[in-house]
Amino acid sequence: MSTAERLREEGRKQGIERGRELGIEQGIERGREQGHREGRAESLLRMLALRFGFVPAETERKVREAPVAQLDRWVERLLTAPTLDDALR
């Protein structure tokens, strides 16, 4: 194997390793984001139940699938909304 071939092979191995590292880091970050969203959804569902009583399954599904920005808007509305429907509008 020539020097150029060895250098190419070393570079290829380093590239593969770096790609693995980045993949793991990105996976960890995605996991954190998902955990953050799920925690917010769970908290909102508890608050809705305390404020309005029973939370229908369809509403629970809607909350669990919502992005963080939407969950934040609903939390703010929860404080002043007279009904569950108003809180999640």
N, C-alpha and C. Protein backbone atom coordinates (compact mmCIF):
# COMPACT_ATOMS: atom_id res chain seq x y z
N MET A 1 0.86 -1.18 0.00
CA MET A 1 0.00 0.00 0.00
C MET A 1 0.90 1.24 0.00
N SER A 2 0.62 2.17 -0.88
CA SER A 2 1.42 3.38 -0.98
C SER A 2 1.08 4.34 0.16
N THR A 3 1.90 5.34 0.34
CA THR A 3 1.66 6.37 1.37
C THR A 3 0.33 7.06 1.12
N ALA A 4 0.05 7.39 -0.12
CA ALA A 4 -1.22 8.06 -0.46
C ALA A 4 -2.41 7.17 -0.12
N GLU A 5 -2.31 5.88 -0.40
CA GLU A 5 -3.41 4.96 -0.09
C GLU A 5 -3.60 4.84 1.42
N ARG A 6 -2.49 4.78 2.15
CA ARG A 6 -2.61 4.71 3.63
C ARG A 6 -3.26 5.97 4.18
N LEU A 7 -2.87 7.13 3.67
CA LEU A 7 -3.47 8.38 4.13
C LEU A 7 -4.96 8.44 3.80
N ARG A 8 -5.32 8.00 2.60
CA ARG A 8 -6.74 7.97 2.23
C ARG A 8 -7.52 7.04 3.16
N GLU A 9 -6.96 5.87 3.43
CA GLU A 9 -7.62 4.90 4.31
C GLU A 9 -7.77 5.47 5.72
N GLU A 10 -6.73 6.12 6.21
CA GLU A 10 -6.80 6.74 7.55
C GLU A 10 -7.87 7.83 7.57
N GLY A 11 -7.90 8.63 6.52
CA GLY A 11 -8.92 9.68 6.44
C GLY A 11 -10.33 9.10 6.37
N ARG A 12 -10.47 8.01 5.63
CA ARG A 12 -11.78 7.36 5.53
C ARG A 12 -12.23 6.86 6.90
N LYS A 13 -11.32 6.22 7.64
CA LYS A 13 -11.65 5.71 8.98
C LYS A 13 -12.01 6.85 9.93
N GLN A 14 -11.26 7.95 9.85
CA GLN A 14 -11.56 9.10 10.70
C GLN A 14 -12.93 9.68 10.35
N GLY A 15 -13.24 9.73 9.06
CA GLY A 15 -14.54 10.23 8.63
C GLY A 15 -15.69 9.36 9.13
N ILE A 16 -15.50 8.06 9.06
CA ILE A 16 -16.53 7.14 9.56
C ILE A 16 -16.73 7.33 11.06
N GLU A 17 -15.64 7.43 11.79
CA GLU A 17 -15.73 7.61 13.25
C GLU A 17 -16.41 8.92 13.60
N ARG A 18 -16.05 9.98 12.90
CA ARG A 18 -16.68 11.29 13.16
C ARG A 18 -18.17 11.24 12.85
N GLY A 19 -18.53 10.57 11.78
CA GLY A 19 -19.95 10.43 11.45
C GLY A 19 -20.71 9.70 12.53
N ARG A 20 -20.10 8.67 13.07
CA ARG A 20 -20.75 7.94 14.18
C ARG A 20 -20.93 8.83 15.39
N GLU A 21 -19.90 9.61 15.71
CA GLU A 21 -19.98 10.52 16.86
C GLU A 21 -21.10 11.54 16.67
N LEU A 22 -21.16 12.13 15.50
CA LEU A 22 -22.21 13.12 15.23
C LEU A 22 -23.59 12.49 15.27
N GLY A 23 -23.70 11.29 14.74
CA GLY A 23 -24.99 10.61 14.77
C GLY A 23 -25.48 10.37 16.18
N ILE A 24 -24.57 9.97 17.04
CA ILE A 24 -24.93 9.73 18.44
C ILE A 24 -25.31 11.04 19.12
N GLU A 25 -24.54 12.09 18.89
CA GLU A 25 -24.84 13.39 19.50
C GLU A 25 -26.19 13.91 19.04
N GLN A 26 -26.46 13.79 17.73
CA GLN A 26 -27.74 14.25 17.22
C GLN A 26 -28.88 13.42 17.78
N GLY A 27 -28.66 12.12 17.93
CA GLY A 27 -29.68 11.25 18.51
C GLY A 27 -29.96 11.62 19.96
N ILE A 28 -28.91 11.92 20.70
CA ILE A 28 -29.08 12.34 22.09
C ILE A 28 -29.86 13.64 22.16
N GLU A 29 -29.52 14.59 21.30
CA GLU A 29 -30.23 15.88 21.28
C GLU A 29 -31.70 15.68 20.93
N ARG A 30 -31.97 14.85 19.93
CA ARG A 30 -33.38 14.57 19.58
C ARG A 30 -34.11 13.93 20.75
N GLY A 31 -33.44 13.04 21.46
CA GLY A 31 -34.03 12.40 22.62
C GLY A 31 -34.35 13.40 23.72
N ARG A 32 -33.44 14.33 23.93
CA ARG A 32 -33.68 15.39 24.93
C ARG A 32 -34.89 16.24 24.54
N GLU A 33 -34.94 16.63 23.27
CA GLU A 33 -36.07 17.44 22.81
C GLU A 33 -37.38 16.70 22.97
N GLN A 34 -37.39 15.43 22.64
CA GLN A 34 -38.61 14.64 22.78
C GLN A 34 -39.00 14.51 24.24
N GLY A 35 -38.03 14.26 25.11
CA GLY A 35 -38.31 14.17 26.54
C GLY A 35 -38.84 15.48 27.09
N HIS A 36 -38.27 16.57 26.64
CA HIS A 36 -38.73 17.90 27.06
C HIS A 36 -40.18 18.12 26.65
N ARG A 37 -40.49 17.80 25.40
CA ARG A 37 -41.86 17.97 24.90
C ARG A 37 -42.84 17.07 25.65
N GLU A 38 -42.44 15.81 25.87
CA GLU A 38 -43.33 14.88 26.57
C GLU A 38 -43.57 15.34 28.01
N GLY A 39 -42.55 15.86 28.66
CA GLY A 39 -42.70 16.37 30.03
C GLY A 39 -43.64 17.55 30.07
N ARG A 40 -43.52 18.45 29.10
CA ARG A 40 -44.42 19.61 29.04
C ARG A 40 -45.85 19.17 28.79
N ALA A 41 -46.02 18.21 27.90
CA ALA A 41 -47.37 17.71 27.60
C ALA A 41 -47.99 17.09 28.84
N GLU A 42 -47.21 16.29 29.55
CA GLU A 42 -47.72 15.64 30.77
C GLU A 42 -48.12 16.68 31.82
N SER A 43 -47.30 17.70 31.98
CA SER A 43 -47.62 18.77 32.94
C SER A 43 -48.89 19.50 32.54
N LEU A 44 -49.02 19.81 31.25
CA LEU A 44 -50.22 20.50 30.78
C LEU A 44 -51.45 19.64 31.01
N LEU A 45 -51.37 18.35 30.74
CA LEU A 45 -52.52 17.47 30.96
C LEU A 45 -52.93 17.44 32.43
N ARG A 46 -51.96 17.43 33.31
CA ARG A 46 -52.28 17.47 34.75
C ARG A 46 -52.98 18.77 35.12
N MET A 47 -52.46 19.88 34.59
CA MET A 47 -53.08 21.18 34.90
C MET A 47 -54.49 21.27 34.34
N LEU A 48 -54.69 20.75 33.11
CA LEU A 48 -56.03 20.76 32.52
C LEU A 48 -57.00 19.95 33.37
N ALA A 49 -56.55 18.79 33.83
CA ALA A 49 -57.41 17.94 34.66
C ALA A 49 -57.74 18.63 35.98
N LEU A 50 -56.78 19.29 36.58
CA LEU A 50 -57.03 19.99 37.83
C LEU A 50 -57.99 21.17 37.63
N ARG A 51 -57.83 21.86 36.53
CA ARG A 51 -58.65 23.05 36.28
C ARG A 51 -60.04 22.73 35.78
N PHE A 52 -60.14 21.75 34.85
CA PHE A 52 -61.42 21.50 34.19
C PHE A 52 -62.02 20.12 34.48
N GLY A 53 -61.32 19.29 35.22
CA GLY A 53 -61.82 17.95 35.49
C GLY A 53 -61.39 16.97 34.42
N PHE A 54 -62.27 16.12 34.01
CA PHE A 54 -61.97 15.07 33.04
C PHE A 54 -61.43 15.64 31.73
N VAL A 55 -60.35 15.03 31.22
CA VAL A 55 -59.78 15.41 29.93
C VAL A 55 -60.06 14.27 28.95
N PRO A 56 -60.84 14.53 27.90
CA PRO A 56 -61.18 13.47 26.93
C PRO A 56 -59.94 12.90 26.24
N ALA A 57 -60.04 11.65 25.80
CA ALA A 57 -58.93 10.96 25.16
C ALA A 57 -58.45 11.71 23.92
N GLU A 58 -59.36 12.25 23.13
CA GLU A 58 -58.98 13.00 21.92
C GLU A 58 -58.16 14.24 22.29
N THR A 59 -58.54 14.90 23.37
CA THR A 59 -57.79 16.07 23.84
C THR A 59 -56.41 15.65 24.32
N GLU A 60 -56.34 14.54 25.03
CA GLU A 60 -55.05 14.04 25.50
C GLU A 60 -54.14 13.72 24.32
N ARG A 61 -54.66 13.09 23.30
CA ARG A 61 -53.87 12.77 22.11
C ARG A 61 -53.36 14.05 21.45
N LYS A 62 -54.24 15.04 21.33
CA LYS A 62 -53.88 16.32 20.72
C LYS A 62 -52.72 16.98 21.48
N VAL A 63 -52.80 16.96 22.80
CA VAL A 63 -51.76 17.56 23.63
C VAL A 63 -50.45 16.79 23.49
N ARG A 64 -50.52 15.48 23.54
CA ARG A 64 -49.29 14.67 23.46
C ARG A 64 -48.58 14.78 22.11
N GLU A 65 -49.29 15.13 21.06
CA GLU A 65 -48.71 15.24 19.73
C GLU A 65 -48.28 16.67 19.38
N ALA A 66 -48.61 17.63 20.22
CA ALA A 66 -48.34 19.04 19.91
C ALA A 66 -46.86 19.38 20.07
N PRO A 67 -46.37 20.32 19.26
CA PRO A 67 -45.00 20.80 19.43
C PRO A 67 -44.89 21.69 20.67
N VAL A 68 -43.67 21.89 21.14
CA VAL A 68 -43.43 22.65 22.37
C VAL A 68 -44.03 24.06 22.31
N ALA A 69 -43.88 24.74 21.18
CA ALA A 69 -44.41 26.11 21.07
C ALA A 69 -45.93 26.14 21.30
N GLN A 70 -46.63 25.16 20.77
CA GLN A 70 -48.09 25.09 20.97
C GLN A 70 -48.41 24.79 22.42
N LEU A 71 -47.67 23.88 23.03
CA LEU A 71 -47.88 23.56 24.45
C LEU A 71 -47.72 24.81 25.30
N ASP A 72 -46.71 25.62 25.00
CA ASP A 72 -46.48 26.85 25.75
C ASP A 72 -47.65 27.81 25.61
N ARG A 73 -48.20 27.94 24.40
CA ARG A 73 -49.37 28.82 24.21
C ARG A 73 -50.56 28.33 25.01
N TRP A 74 -50.77 27.02 25.02
CA TRP A 74 -51.90 26.46 25.77
C TRP A 74 -51.72 26.67 27.28
N VAL A 75 -50.51 26.53 27.76
CA VAL A 75 -50.26 26.76 29.20
C VAL A 75 -50.63 28.19 29.56
N GLU A 76 -50.25 29.14 28.72
CA GLU A 76 -50.58 30.55 28.99
C GLU A 76 -52.09 30.76 28.98
N ARG A 77 -52.78 30.17 28.00
CA ARG A 77 -54.24 30.33 27.92
C ARG A 77 -54.95 29.66 29.08
N LEU A 78 -54.38 28.58 29.56
CA LEU A 78 -54.98 27.82 30.65
C LEU A 78 -55.29 28.71 31.85
N LEU A 79 -54.47 29.70 32.06
CA LEU A 79 -54.63 30.56 33.24
C LEU A 79 -55.90 31.40 33.21
N THR A 80 -56.38 31.74 32.03
CA THR A 80 -57.54 32.63 31.95
C THR A 80 -58.74 32.04 31.21
N ALA A 81 -58.58 30.90 30.58
CA ALA A 81 -59.66 30.31 29.78
C ALA A 81 -60.80 29.81 30.67
N PRO A 82 -62.03 30.11 30.31
CA PRO A 82 -63.16 29.65 31.11
C PRO A 82 -63.51 28.17 30.89
N THR A 83 -63.11 27.61 29.72
CA THR A 83 -63.44 26.22 29.42
C THR A 83 -62.21 25.51 28.85
N LEU A 84 -62.26 24.20 28.83
CA LEU A 84 -61.20 23.40 28.25
C LEU A 84 -61.02 23.73 26.76
N ASP A 85 -62.13 23.85 26.05
CA ASP A 85 -62.05 24.19 24.62
C ASP A 85 -61.38 25.54 24.39
N ASP A 86 -61.67 26.51 25.23
CA ASP A 86 -61.04 27.82 25.11
C ASP A 86 -59.55 27.75 25.38
N ALA A 87 -59.16 26.93 26.32
CA ALA A 87 -57.73 26.79 26.68
C ALA A 87 -56.93 26.22 25.52
N LEU A 88 -57.54 25.33 24.75
CA LEU A 88 -56.81 24.65 23.68
C LEU A 88 -57.13 25.19 22.29
N ARG A 89 -57.73 26.33 22.21
CA ARG A 89 -58.05 26.92 20.93
C ARG A 89 -56.84 27.54 20.30
